[in-house]
Protein backbone atom coordinates (compact mmCIF):
# COMPACT_ATOMS: atom_id res chain seq x y z
CA UNK A 1 71.28 -60.96 200.78
CA UNK A 2 68.53 -58.46 200.32
CA UNK A 3 64.97 -59.44 201.11
CA UNK A 4 61.49 -58.14 200.41
CA UNK A 5 58.30 -58.77 202.37
CA UNK A 6 54.89 -60.19 201.61
CA UNK A 7 51.83 -58.16 202.58
CA UNK A 8 51.74 -59.98 205.92
CA UNK A 9 55.42 -59.24 206.57
CA UNK A 10 57.04 -62.57 205.71
CA UNK A 11 60.56 -62.03 204.40
CA UNK A 12 61.50 -63.37 200.97
CA UNK A 13 65.23 -63.45 200.26
CA UNK A 14 66.17 -62.23 196.79
CA UNK A 15 68.92 -64.69 195.99
CA UNK A 16 67.88 -65.46 192.42
CA UNK A 17 65.74 -68.45 193.41
CA UNK A 18 62.43 -68.04 191.59
CA UNK A 19 61.03 -71.12 193.31
CA UNK A 20 61.44 -69.37 196.67
CA UNK A 21 59.14 -66.61 195.41
CA UNK A 22 56.66 -69.19 194.13
CA UNK A 23 56.69 -70.89 197.53
CA UNK A 24 56.19 -67.56 199.32
CA UNK A 25 53.25 -66.73 197.03
CA UNK A 26 51.74 -70.15 197.61
CA UNK A 27 52.02 -69.84 201.39
CA UNK A 28 50.93 -66.19 201.48
CA UNK A 29 47.93 -66.42 199.18
CA UNK A 30 46.85 -69.99 198.53
CA UNK A 31 47.45 -71.59 201.94
CA UNK A 32 46.32 -68.59 203.98
CA UNK A 33 43.05 -68.52 202.03
CA UNK A 34 42.53 -72.29 202.39
CA UNK A 35 42.93 -72.82 198.61
CA UNK A 36 40.10 -70.34 198.03
CA UNK A 37 42.12 -67.59 196.41
CA UNK A 38 41.24 -65.53 193.38
CA UNK A 39 43.20 -64.21 190.44
CA UNK A 40 42.99 -60.77 192.04
CA UNK A 41 44.43 -62.05 195.34
CA UNK A 42 47.47 -63.55 193.63
CA UNK A 43 47.87 -60.59 191.28
CA UNK A 44 47.83 -58.14 194.20
CA UNK A 45 50.52 -60.09 196.09
CA UNK A 46 52.74 -60.45 193.02
CA UNK A 47 52.50 -56.71 192.36
CA UNK A 48 53.36 -56.03 195.99
CA UNK A 49 56.53 -58.13 195.72
CA UNK A 50 57.56 -56.68 192.34
CA UNK A 51 57.14 -53.11 193.62
CA UNK A 52 59.88 -53.78 196.19
CA UNK A 53 62.41 -55.01 193.59
CA UNK A 54 64.95 -52.90 191.76
CA UNK A 55 64.79 -52.80 187.96
CA UNK A 56 67.75 -55.19 187.82
CA UNK A 57 66.06 -57.66 190.18
CA UNK A 58 62.84 -57.46 188.19
CA UNK A 59 64.74 -58.19 184.98
CA UNK A 60 66.59 -61.14 186.49
CA UNK A 61 63.42 -62.71 187.88
CA UNK A 62 61.53 -62.09 184.63
CA UNK A 63 64.31 -63.80 182.70
CA UNK A 64 64.20 -66.81 185.02
CA UNK A 65 60.40 -66.89 184.89
CA UNK A 66 60.30 -66.81 181.10
CA UNK A 67 62.96 -69.52 180.91
CA UNK A 68 61.05 -71.77 183.31
CA UNK A 69 57.78 -71.06 181.52
CA UNK A 70 59.31 -71.93 178.16
CA UNK A 71 60.76 -75.13 179.57
CA UNK A 72 57.35 -76.08 180.98
CA UNK A 73 55.68 -75.27 177.65
CA UNK A 74 58.12 -77.47 175.73
CA UNK A 75 57.71 -80.30 178.24
CA UNK A 76 53.91 -80.08 177.96
CA UNK A 77 54.13 -80.23 174.15
CA UNK A 78 56.44 -83.24 174.28
CA UNK A 79 54.17 -84.97 176.79
CA UNK A 80 51.13 -84.42 174.56
CA UNK A 81 53.05 -85.71 171.54
CA UNK A 82 54.15 -88.87 173.34
CA UNK A 83 50.63 -89.51 174.69
CA UNK A 84 49.33 -89.19 171.13
CA UNK A 85 51.97 -91.63 169.87
CA UNK A 86 51.12 -94.11 172.61
CA UNK A 87 47.42 -93.85 171.84
CA UNK A 88 48.15 -94.44 168.14
CA UNK A 89 50.24 -97.50 168.96
CA UNK A 90 47.53 -98.91 171.26
CA UNK A 91 44.64 -98.17 168.97
């Protein structure tokens, strides 16, 4: 498996697991900055990782990211709908 590196040199294996990239970003940016990270910090690290990917890898990870984002969006909408229903039933 091919791997890329964070700005501090931590290897991230490109095996199609988007959550592994999320975990690497969390450790590299959020944890290392004691939860005091900025949008720019995270943006810089994401760009650094993307720059090391081939066009095919970028496309595959974008596809997975959009799919997961859409799934989260739909789950959030359903959750809000069910909370509204519950509130209506209680009130």
